[in-house]
Amino acid sequence: MLTGPAPAWADEETPAEPPRVELVLDVSGSMRARDIDGRSRISVAQQAFNEVVDALPEETQLGIRVLGATYKGKDKKVGCQDTQQIVPVGQVDRTQAKAAVATLRPTGFTPVGLALRSAAQDLGTGATARRIVLITDGEDTCAPPDPCEVARELAAQGTKLVVDTLGLAPDDKVRRQLLCIANATGGTYTAAQSADELTGRIKQLVDRARDTYTAAPAVVGGSAGCPDAPLLAPGVYTDREQFSEHRWYRVPVRPGQELRASVSIALDRPVNPDYGVLLRATAPDGRELVRGVDAGSGRTDVVSAGLRWSAAADTDADADEGETPSPAPGDADAAPTTVCLVVSNAFAPRPGTRATPGMPIELTVDVVASSPAPGGPDLGRGWVLLVLLTLAGLLTGLVAGLLTRWWVATWREN
């Protein structure tokens, strides 16, 4: 019988709060460059912002933050604090928002890391996913804080915060930094080479905040072993796992029920090419019940695995070994079986890659009624197998004889 605290629950109800997005725009000096459709980068960004504000869904709360927009001096210490929120997150006054964007002029440094940290504070916390859309033409010139480390720090806080990045300059170093920021939070990176591309992509990302309007996974901390692992009820959970670590969780499963579980690990930092994730279900005594198989997610930055295990399967195995069978399926009073879920990874960091915080994992747990095996003859037992093998042998011999007679007759004629 299970002891200890009640299972952790993941809230699956539709949240009442609206989707929240903040656009973060780089207004540093390099945004003066006139290399997008013959126009300056800042003018293209301003046009894109105006069109996005006009098309903003009514239920979406939007904010705008800028960086490098006010300080014109050379003091880096001062310039690297230059980030302001010009439109607070909320229902947007379209006229006011477009007027605030129209006054922006390329000015100073590029404190991307500080702007991301401030944008996360602007969006606050809550039950739903928040999105930041970062538009910049250059890499951070103010680290520390390093923007990639800030992204990992924000992702490790447990709130569902996604950062999508848009690059306005064809620079490989900038691309790598923006990819790192996006990967750390489950976001996307896009290179925008025209005004239409920039406008269309920002609109798409703002709309995605509405489309992915779901409750954030519940935060849970796996343990180093099964006995003190947290109990999980059906739901979606998030945790962090170090390189080459094993994290344990427990799920109660009653007779007649089936456990279905899957895990995904986001590759939010450089790792060596040989890696993998393993999901196993074990009994409390360490006996392995089933191990998961790799599941393609369609993304190269996410590795997944899943498994299914039925309490009936273990009952049948015990009965075959002469043990007392468990209570009949559907018995509500029957004691549940403790199933230990183990998430293991074989990731190895590349030289210089930080190990902390751990890799972000998302664990999905469900317990449903067992799915009976399809009906049909039992080919592994009794006389049925013997009859089938005999018929198969006779048929094979008949076909072989006919082919041999045809070949001999053909050879003699030639």
Protein backbone atom coordinates (compact mmCIF):
# COMPACT_ATOMS: atom_id res chain seq x y z
CA MET A 1 0.00 0.00 0.00
CA LEU A 2 1.24 3.50 -0.85
CA THR A 3 2.37 5.75 1.95
CA GLY A 4 3.61 9.30 2.06
CA PRO A 5 2.19 12.57 0.75
CA ALA A 6 -0.70 12.74 -1.67
CA PRO A 7 0.19 12.69 -5.38
CA ALA A 8 1.17 15.93 -7.06
CA TRP A 9 -1.49 17.15 -9.49
CA ALA A 10 -1.03 19.09 -12.72
CA ASP A 11 -3.81 21.58 -13.33
CA GLU A 12 -5.36 20.76 -16.71
CA GLU A 13 -8.26 23.21 -16.55
CA THR A 14 -8.42 25.98 -19.13
CA PRO A 15 -6.86 29.04 -17.49
CA ALA A 16 -8.95 32.18 -17.17
CA GLU A 17 -6.19 34.73 -17.71
CA PRO A 18 -5.45 36.05 -21.22
CA PRO A 19 -2.32 35.30 -23.27
CA ARG A 20 0.52 37.76 -22.57
CA VAL A 21 3.30 38.78 -24.99
CA GLU A 22 6.09 41.36 -24.88
CA LEU A 23 7.97 42.58 -27.95
CA VAL A 24 11.59 43.50 -27.18
CA LEU A 25 13.16 45.75 -29.83
CA ASP A 26 16.85 46.55 -30.27
CA VAL A 27 17.26 50.32 -30.89
CA SER A 28 21.07 50.37 -30.66
CA GLY A 29 23.20 52.38 -33.08
CA SER A 30 23.60 49.55 -35.61
CA MET A 31 19.86 49.71 -36.37
CA ARG A 32 20.63 52.76 -38.58
CA ALA A 33 22.06 50.45 -41.27
CA ARG A 34 20.10 50.70 -44.54
CA ASP A 35 20.25 47.13 -45.81
CA ILE A 36 16.66 45.85 -45.72
CA ASP A 37 14.82 46.66 -48.96
CA GLY A 38 16.92 49.84 -49.18
CA ARG A 39 15.57 51.10 -45.85
CA SER A 40 17.02 51.37 -42.37
CA ARG A 41 16.52 48.45 -40.03
CA ILE A 42 14.73 50.63 -37.48
CA SER A 43 12.20 51.95 -40.02
CA VAL A 44 11.39 48.40 -41.14
CA ALA A 45 10.92 47.36 -37.50
CA GLN A 46 8.69 50.36 -36.78
CA GLN A 47 6.47 49.54 -39.76
CA ALA A 48 6.26 45.91 -38.63
CA PHE A 49 5.28 46.95 -35.10
CA ASN A 50 2.53 49.24 -36.42
CA GLU A 51 1.00 46.45 -38.49
CA VAL A 52 1.24 43.98 -35.62
CA VAL A 53 -0.48 46.41 -33.24
CA ASP A 54 -3.29 47.00 -35.76
CA ALA A 55 -3.84 43.25 -36.18
CA LEU A 56 -3.52 42.36 -32.48
CA PRO A 57 -6.24 39.94 -31.25
CA GLU A 58 -8.51 41.60 -28.72
CA GLU A 59 -7.87 39.01 -26.00
CA THR A 60 -4.06 39.24 -26.21
CA GLN A 61 -2.24 41.48 -23.75
CA LEU A 62 0.83 43.08 -25.35
CA GLY A 63 3.79 45.07 -24.04
CA ILE A 64 6.76 46.69 -25.78
CA ARG A 65 10.27 47.04 -24.31
CA VAL A 66 13.28 48.63 -26.00
CA LEU A 67 17.03 48.48 -25.42
CA GLY A 68 19.73 50.97 -26.40
CA ALA A 69 17.14 53.68 -27.12
CA THR A 70 18.05 56.63 -24.89
CA TYR A 71 21.73 56.86 -23.86
CA LYS A 72 23.94 58.61 -26.44
CA GLY A 73 27.17 58.67 -24.44
CA LYS A 74 30.25 56.46 -24.44
CA ASP A 75 30.14 55.26 -20.82
CA LYS A 76 29.52 51.53 -21.23
CA LYS A 77 28.51 51.06 -17.60
CA VAL A 78 25.68 53.55 -18.07
CA GLY A 79 24.78 52.47 -21.60
CA CYS A 80 24.45 48.83 -20.58
CA GLN A 81 21.58 49.77 -18.23
CA ASP A 82 19.63 51.34 -21.10
CA THR A 83 16.36 49.41 -21.38
CA GLN A 84 12.82 50.73 -20.88
CA GLN A 85 9.27 49.46 -21.21
CA ILE A 86 7.48 51.95 -23.47
CA VAL A 87 4.14 50.10 -23.56
CA PRO A 88 3.03 48.20 -20.42
CA VAL A 89 1.69 44.66 -20.82
CA GLY A 90 -2.09 44.81 -21.06
CA GLN A 91 -4.92 45.79 -23.37
CA VAL A 92 -3.23 47.97 -25.98
CA ASP A 93 -4.14 51.53 -26.82
CA ARG A 94 -3.19 51.24 -30.50
CA THR A 95 -2.73 54.97 -31.11
CA GLN A 96 -0.53 55.39 -28.04
CA ALA A 97 1.54 52.30 -28.82
CA LYS A 98 2.25 53.35 -32.42
CA ALA A 99 3.14 56.87 -31.30
CA ALA A 100 5.66 55.48 -28.78
CA VAL A 101 7.29 53.31 -31.45
CA ALA A 102 7.43 56.16 -33.99
CA THR A 103 9.66 58.29 -31.73
CA LEU A 104 12.42 55.65 -31.46
CA ARG A 105 15.84 56.54 -32.89
CA PRO A 106 18.92 54.24 -32.97
CA THR A 107 21.19 55.35 -30.16
CA GLY A 108 23.34 53.21 -27.90
CA PHE A 109 24.56 49.84 -26.64
CA THR A 110 22.91 46.39 -26.85
CA PRO A 111 22.08 45.02 -23.36
CA VAL A 112 20.11 41.99 -24.57
CA GLY A 113 20.55 39.94 -21.40
CA LEU A 114 19.31 42.73 -19.13
CA ALA A 115 16.36 43.44 -21.45
CA LEU A 116 15.29 39.77 -21.41
CA ARG A 117 15.43 39.63 -17.62
CA SER A 118 13.39 42.84 -17.40
CA ALA A 119 10.85 41.59 -19.96
CA ALA A 120 10.26 38.46 -17.89
CA GLN A 121 9.48 40.70 -14.90
CA ASP A 122 7.13 42.78 -17.08
CA LEU A 123 5.13 39.67 -17.98
CA GLY A 124 4.88 38.46 -14.39
CA THR A 125 3.88 34.95 -13.38
CA GLY A 126 0.68 32.99 -13.73
CA ALA A 127 -0.91 29.78 -14.94
CA THR A 128 -0.42 30.37 -18.67
CA ALA A 129 2.59 30.44 -20.96
CA ARG A 130 4.17 33.86 -21.58
CA ARG A 131 6.06 34.80 -24.74
CA ILE A 132 8.86 37.25 -25.43
CA VAL A 133 9.64 38.16 -29.05
CA LEU A 134 13.17 39.58 -29.33
CA ILE A 135 14.05 41.57 -32.48
CA THR A 136 17.71 42.52 -32.83
CA ASP A 137 20.43 43.00 -35.44
CA GLY A 138 23.44 42.33 -33.23
CA GLU A 139 24.82 40.32 -30.37
CA ASP A 140 24.84 41.52 -26.78
CA THR A 141 27.58 44.13 -26.20
CA CYS A 142 27.10 44.32 -22.43
CA ALA A 143 27.58 40.81 -21.01
CA PRO A 144 27.45 40.00 -18.19
CA PRO A 145 24.72 39.01 -17.95
CA ASP A 146 25.15 36.74 -20.94
CA PRO A 147 21.77 36.57 -22.74
CA CYS A 148 21.98 32.81 -23.25
CA GLU A 149 22.62 32.28 -19.54
CA VAL A 150 19.73 34.63 -18.74
CA ALA A 151 17.45 32.53 -20.97
CA ARG A 152 18.47 29.36 -19.11
CA GLU A 153 17.99 31.13 -15.80
CA LEU A 154 14.46 32.17 -16.80
CA ALA A 155 13.61 28.69 -18.02
CA ALA A 156 14.87 27.18 -14.75
CA GLN A 157 12.52 29.32 -12.65
CA GLY A 158 9.62 26.98 -13.42
CA THR A 159 7.32 29.49 -15.09
CA LYS A 160 6.43 28.73 -18.69
CA LEU A 161 8.31 31.47 -20.52
CA VAL A 162 9.12 31.13 -24.24
CA VAL A 163 11.53 33.46 -26.04
CA ASP A 164 11.32 33.66 -29.84
CA THR A 165 14.15 35.50 -31.59
CA LEU A 166 14.30 37.40 -34.89
CA GLY A 167 17.64 38.37 -36.43
CA LEU A 168 17.86 41.37 -38.77
CA ALA A 169 21.50 40.93 -39.83
CA PRO A 170 23.08 37.98 -41.70
CA ASP A 171 25.79 37.46 -39.08
CA ASP A 172 26.73 33.94 -37.96
CA LYS A 173 27.78 35.01 -34.46
CA VAL A 174 24.45 36.76 -33.91
CA ARG A 175 22.60 33.73 -35.28
CA ARG A 176 24.34 31.40 -32.80
CA GLN A 177 23.48 33.65 -29.85
CA LEU A 178 19.82 34.01 -30.88
CA LEU A 179 19.54 30.25 -31.46
CA CYS A 180 20.93 29.62 -27.99
CA ILE A 181 18.38 32.00 -26.41
CA ALA A 182 15.49 30.40 -28.28
CA ASN A 183 16.57 26.80 -27.60
CA ALA A 184 16.96 27.45 -23.88
CA THR A 185 13.27 28.33 -23.57
CA GLY A 186 11.67 26.17 -26.26
CA GLY A 187 11.30 29.10 -28.66
CA THR A 188 12.22 29.60 -32.31
CA TYR A 189 14.83 31.58 -34.26
CA THR A 190 14.11 33.28 -37.59
CA ALA A 191 16.31 35.41 -39.86
CA ALA A 192 14.21 38.24 -41.33
CA GLN A 193 15.70 39.62 -44.56
CA SER A 194 12.79 41.79 -45.72
CA ALA A 195 10.05 43.99 -44.30
CA ASP A 196 7.37 41.46 -45.27
CA GLU A 197 9.26 38.60 -43.59
CA LEU A 198 9.65 40.57 -40.36
CA THR A 199 6.02 41.70 -40.23
CA GLY A 200 4.65 38.27 -41.08
CA ARG A 201 6.82 36.49 -38.54
CA ILE A 202 5.99 38.84 -35.66
CA LYS A 203 2.27 38.49 -36.41
CA GLN A 204 2.65 34.72 -36.47
CA LEU A 205 4.45 34.66 -33.13
CA VAL A 206 1.90 36.94 -31.47
CA ASP A 207 -0.91 34.74 -32.80
CA ARG A 208 0.93 31.67 -31.53
CA ALA A 209 0.68 33.05 -28.00
CA ARG A 210 -3.07 32.72 -28.41
CA ASP A 211 -2.90 29.32 -30.12
CA THR A 212 -0.62 27.83 -27.43
CA TYR A 213 -2.73 29.26 -24.64
CA THR A 214 -2.43 26.42 -22.15
CA ALA A 215 -1.67 25.98 -18.49
CA ALA A 216 2.01 25.65 -17.64
CA PRO A 217 3.24 22.19 -16.54
CA ALA A 218 3.43 21.62 -12.79
CA VAL A 219 6.94 21.89 -11.34
CA VAL A 220 8.14 18.69 -9.66
CA GLY A 221 11.49 17.55 -8.30
CA GLY A 222 12.53 13.97 -9.06
CA SER A 223 14.66 12.11 -6.52
CA ALA A 224 17.78 9.94 -6.67
CA GLY A 225 15.81 6.77 -5.89
CA CYS A 226 12.33 5.28 -5.84
CA PRO A 227 11.58 5.18 -2.08
CA ASP A 228 11.52 8.97 -1.66
CA ALA A 229 10.38 9.85 -5.20
CA PRO A 230 7.38 12.20 -5.54
CA LEU A 231 3.97 10.63 -6.22
CA LEU A 232 2.47 11.85 -9.50
CA ALA A 233 -1.17 11.93 -10.55
CA PRO A 234 -2.05 12.11 -14.28
CA GLY A 235 -0.84 15.40 -15.76
CA VAL A 236 2.12 17.24 -17.30
CA TYR A 237 5.19 18.06 -15.20
CA THR A 238 8.47 19.89 -15.67
CA ASP A 239 11.81 19.22 -14.00
CA ARG A 240 15.56 19.69 -14.55
CA GLU A 241 18.09 16.89 -15.00
CA GLN A 242 21.87 17.10 -14.89
CA PHE A 243 24.08 15.45 -17.52
CA SER A 244 24.08 11.62 -17.24
CA GLU A 245 21.64 11.73 -14.31
CA HIS A 246 18.77 9.43 -13.24
CA ARG A 247 15.63 11.02 -11.77
CA TRP A 248 12.87 8.98 -10.14
CA TYR A 249 9.12 9.49 -9.79
CA ARG A 250 6.29 7.24 -8.53
CA VAL A 251 2.85 6.60 -10.02
CA PRO A 252 0.08 4.52 -8.37
CA VAL A 253 -1.54 2.07 -10.83
CA ARG A 254 -4.50 -0.15 -9.87
CA PRO A 255 -5.34 -3.56 -11.37
CA GLY A 256 -7.11 -3.13 -14.68
CA GLN A 257 -5.34 0.16 -15.33
CA GLU A 258 -2.60 1.05 -17.80
CA LEU A 259 0.19 3.55 -17.26
CA ARG A 260 1.17 5.70 -20.22
CA ALA A 261 4.13 8.02 -19.84
CA SER A 262 6.41 10.06 -22.06
CA VAL A 263 9.37 12.36 -21.50
CA SER A 264 11.01 15.03 -23.63
CA ILE A 265 14.35 16.70 -22.98
CA ALA A 266 15.14 19.99 -24.71
CA LEU A 267 18.71 20.41 -25.93
CA ASP A 268 19.15 23.95 -24.67
CA ARG A 269 22.97 23.95 -24.91
CA PRO A 270 25.71 22.34 -27.05
CA VAL A 271 26.09 18.57 -26.47
CA ASN A 272 28.18 15.90 -28.14
CA PRO A 273 26.46 14.15 -31.07
CA ASP A 274 26.12 10.78 -29.25
CA TYR A 275 23.25 11.21 -26.81
CA GLY A 276 19.90 9.77 -25.85
CA VAL A 277 17.14 9.62 -23.28
CA LEU A 278 15.72 6.50 -21.63
CA LEU A 279 12.39 6.15 -19.79
CA ARG A 280 11.87 3.00 -17.70
CA ALA A 281 9.15 1.67 -15.41
CA THR A 282 10.33 -0.48 -12.51
CA ALA A 283 8.87 -2.15 -9.44
CA PRO A 284 9.93 -0.78 -6.02
CA ASP A 285 12.32 -3.74 -5.64
CA GLY A 286 14.19 -2.63 -8.77
CA ARG A 287 12.72 -5.23 -11.13
CA GLU A 288 12.31 -3.65 -14.57
CA LEU A 289 8.73 -3.77 -15.88
CA VAL A 290 9.21 -2.09 -19.25
CA ARG A 291 11.51 0.40 -20.91
CA GLY A 292 10.49 3.09 -23.33
CA VAL A 293 11.52 3.57 -26.92
CA ASP A 294 12.76 6.69 -28.64
CA ALA A 295 9.97 8.75 -30.14
CA GLY A 296 10.63 11.19 -32.97
CA SER A 297 9.32 14.67 -32.17
CA GLY A 298 10.00 16.25 -35.55
CA ARG A 299 12.52 18.61 -33.92
CA THR A 300 16.28 18.23 -33.76
CA ASP A 301 16.50 20.12 -30.45
CA VAL A 302 14.18 17.76 -28.53
CA VAL A 303 14.74 14.09 -27.64
CA SER A 304 11.75 12.04 -26.46
CA ALA A 305 10.81 8.57 -25.25
CA GLY A 306 7.56 6.91 -24.17
CA LEU A 307 6.22 3.71 -22.61
CA ARG A 308 3.03 1.80 -21.75
CA TRP A 309 2.58 -0.68 -18.90
CA SER A 310 -0.50 -2.48 -17.69
CA ALA A 311 -1.02 -3.78 -14.17
CA ALA A 312 -2.67 -6.86 -15.76
CA ALA A 313 0.58 -7.75 -17.51
CA ASP A 314 2.43 -7.96 -14.21
CA THR A 315 -0.45 -9.93 -12.68
CA ASP A 316 -0.22 -12.53 -15.48
CA ALA A 317 3.53 -12.85 -14.97
CA ASP A 318 3.10 -13.42 -11.24
CA ALA A 319 0.40 -16.05 -11.88
CA ASP A 320 2.70 -17.91 -14.28
CA GLU A 321 5.32 -18.05 -11.52
CA GLY A 322 2.79 -19.53 -9.07
CA GLU A 323 2.29 -16.35 -7.02
CA THR A 324 -1.07 -15.20 -5.73
CA PRO A 325 -2.75 -13.07 -8.43
CA SER A 326 -3.70 -9.47 -7.73
CA PRO A 327 -7.35 -8.44 -7.23
CA ALA A 328 -9.61 -8.48 -10.27
CA PRO A 329 -9.55 -5.49 -12.64
CA GLY A 330 -12.01 -2.78 -11.75
CA ASP A 331 -11.84 -3.46 -8.00
CA ALA A 332 -11.88 0.08 -6.59
CA ASP A 333 -10.79 -1.18 -3.18
CA ALA A 334 -7.75 -3.00 -4.53
CA ALA A 335 -4.43 -1.59 -3.39
CA PRO A 336 -2.57 0.17 -6.22
CA THR A 337 0.80 -0.99 -7.45
CA THR A 338 3.64 1.47 -7.03
CA VAL A 339 5.34 1.97 -10.39
CA CYS A 340 8.64 3.82 -10.39
CA LEU A 341 9.39 5.93 -13.45
CA VAL A 342 13.08 6.54 -14.14
CA VAL A 343 14.25 9.25 -16.53
CA SER A 344 17.87 8.79 -17.58
CA ASN A 345 19.98 10.62 -20.13
CA ALA A 346 23.31 9.96 -21.81
CA PHE A 347 24.09 13.57 -22.66
CA ALA A 348 27.69 14.74 -22.60
CA PRO A 349 28.47 18.48 -22.69
CA ARG A 350 30.88 19.93 -25.16
CA PRO A 351 34.01 21.61 -23.77
CA GLY A 352 33.12 24.90 -22.09
CA THR A 353 29.40 24.09 -21.75
CA ARG A 354 27.95 24.84 -18.32
CA ALA A 355 26.30 21.95 -16.51
CA THR A 356 23.92 24.08 -14.43
CA PRO A 357 21.03 24.46 -14.41
CA GLY A 358 20.08 20.96 -15.54
CA MET A 359 18.52 20.14 -18.89
CA PRO A 360 14.77 20.97 -19.02
CA ILE A 361 12.55 17.90 -19.11
CA GLU A 362 8.79 17.58 -19.58
CA LEU A 363 7.12 14.45 -18.21
CA THR A 364 3.57 13.44 -19.19
CA VAL A 365 1.76 10.86 -17.06
CA ASP A 366 -1.62 9.26 -17.70
CA VAL A 367 -3.43 6.28 -16.13
CA VAL A 368 -6.30 4.78 -18.15
CA ALA A 369 -8.29 1.57 -18.34
CA SER A 370 -6.18 -1.29 -19.70
CA SER A 371 -6.44 -1.94 -23.42
CA PRO A 372 -7.19 -5.65 -24.01
CA ALA A 373 -5.02 -7.46 -26.54
CA PRO A 374 -6.72 -8.09 -29.91
CA GLY A 375 -8.60 -11.40 -30.04
CA GLY A 376 -7.28 -14.23 -32.16
CA PRO A 377 -5.78 -17.70 -31.99
CA ASP A 378 -3.03 -18.24 -29.46
CA LEU A 379 -0.18 -19.23 -31.75
CA GLY A 380 2.18 -19.98 -28.94
CA ARG A 381 0.33 -22.79 -27.19
CA GLY A 382 -1.26 -26.21 -27.78
CA TRP A 383 -2.32 -28.05 -30.90
CA VAL A 384 -3.24 -24.88 -32.83
CA LEU A 385 0.43 -24.14 -33.39
CA LEU A 386 1.13 -27.73 -34.45
CA VAL A 387 -1.71 -27.74 -37.01
CA LEU A 388 -0.59 -24.42 -38.48
CA LEU A 389 3.02 -25.56 -38.78
CA THR A 390 1.91 -28.84 -40.45
CA LEU A 391 -0.25 -27.01 -43.01
CA ALA A 392 2.53 -24.53 -43.71
CA GLY A 393 4.97 -27.41 -44.32
CA LEU A 394 2.59 -29.23 -46.69
CA LEU A 395 1.92 -26.07 -48.66
CA THR A 396 5.61 -25.25 -48.95
CA GLY A 397 6.42 -28.80 -50.15
CA LEU A 398 3.63 -28.71 -52.74
CA VAL A 399 4.80 -25.38 -54.19
CA ALA A 400 8.43 -26.52 -54.24
CA GLY A 401 7.50 -29.75 -56.06
CA LEU A 402 5.52 -27.95 -58.75
CA LEU A 403 8.34 -25.48 -59.35
CA THR A 404 10.89 -28.30 -59.60
CA ARG A 405 8.80 -30.24 -62.17
CA TRP A 406 8.36 -27.06 -64.25
CA TRP A 407 12.08 -26.32 -64.18
CA VAL A 408 13.05 -29.90 -65.18
CA ALA A 409 10.54 -29.92 -68.05
CA THR A 410 11.81 -26.59 -69.33
CA TRP A 411 15.47 -27.74 -69.13
CA ARG A 412 14.78 -30.92 -71.14
CA GLU A 413 13.00 -29.01 -73.90
CA ASN A 414 16.04 -26.75 -74.28
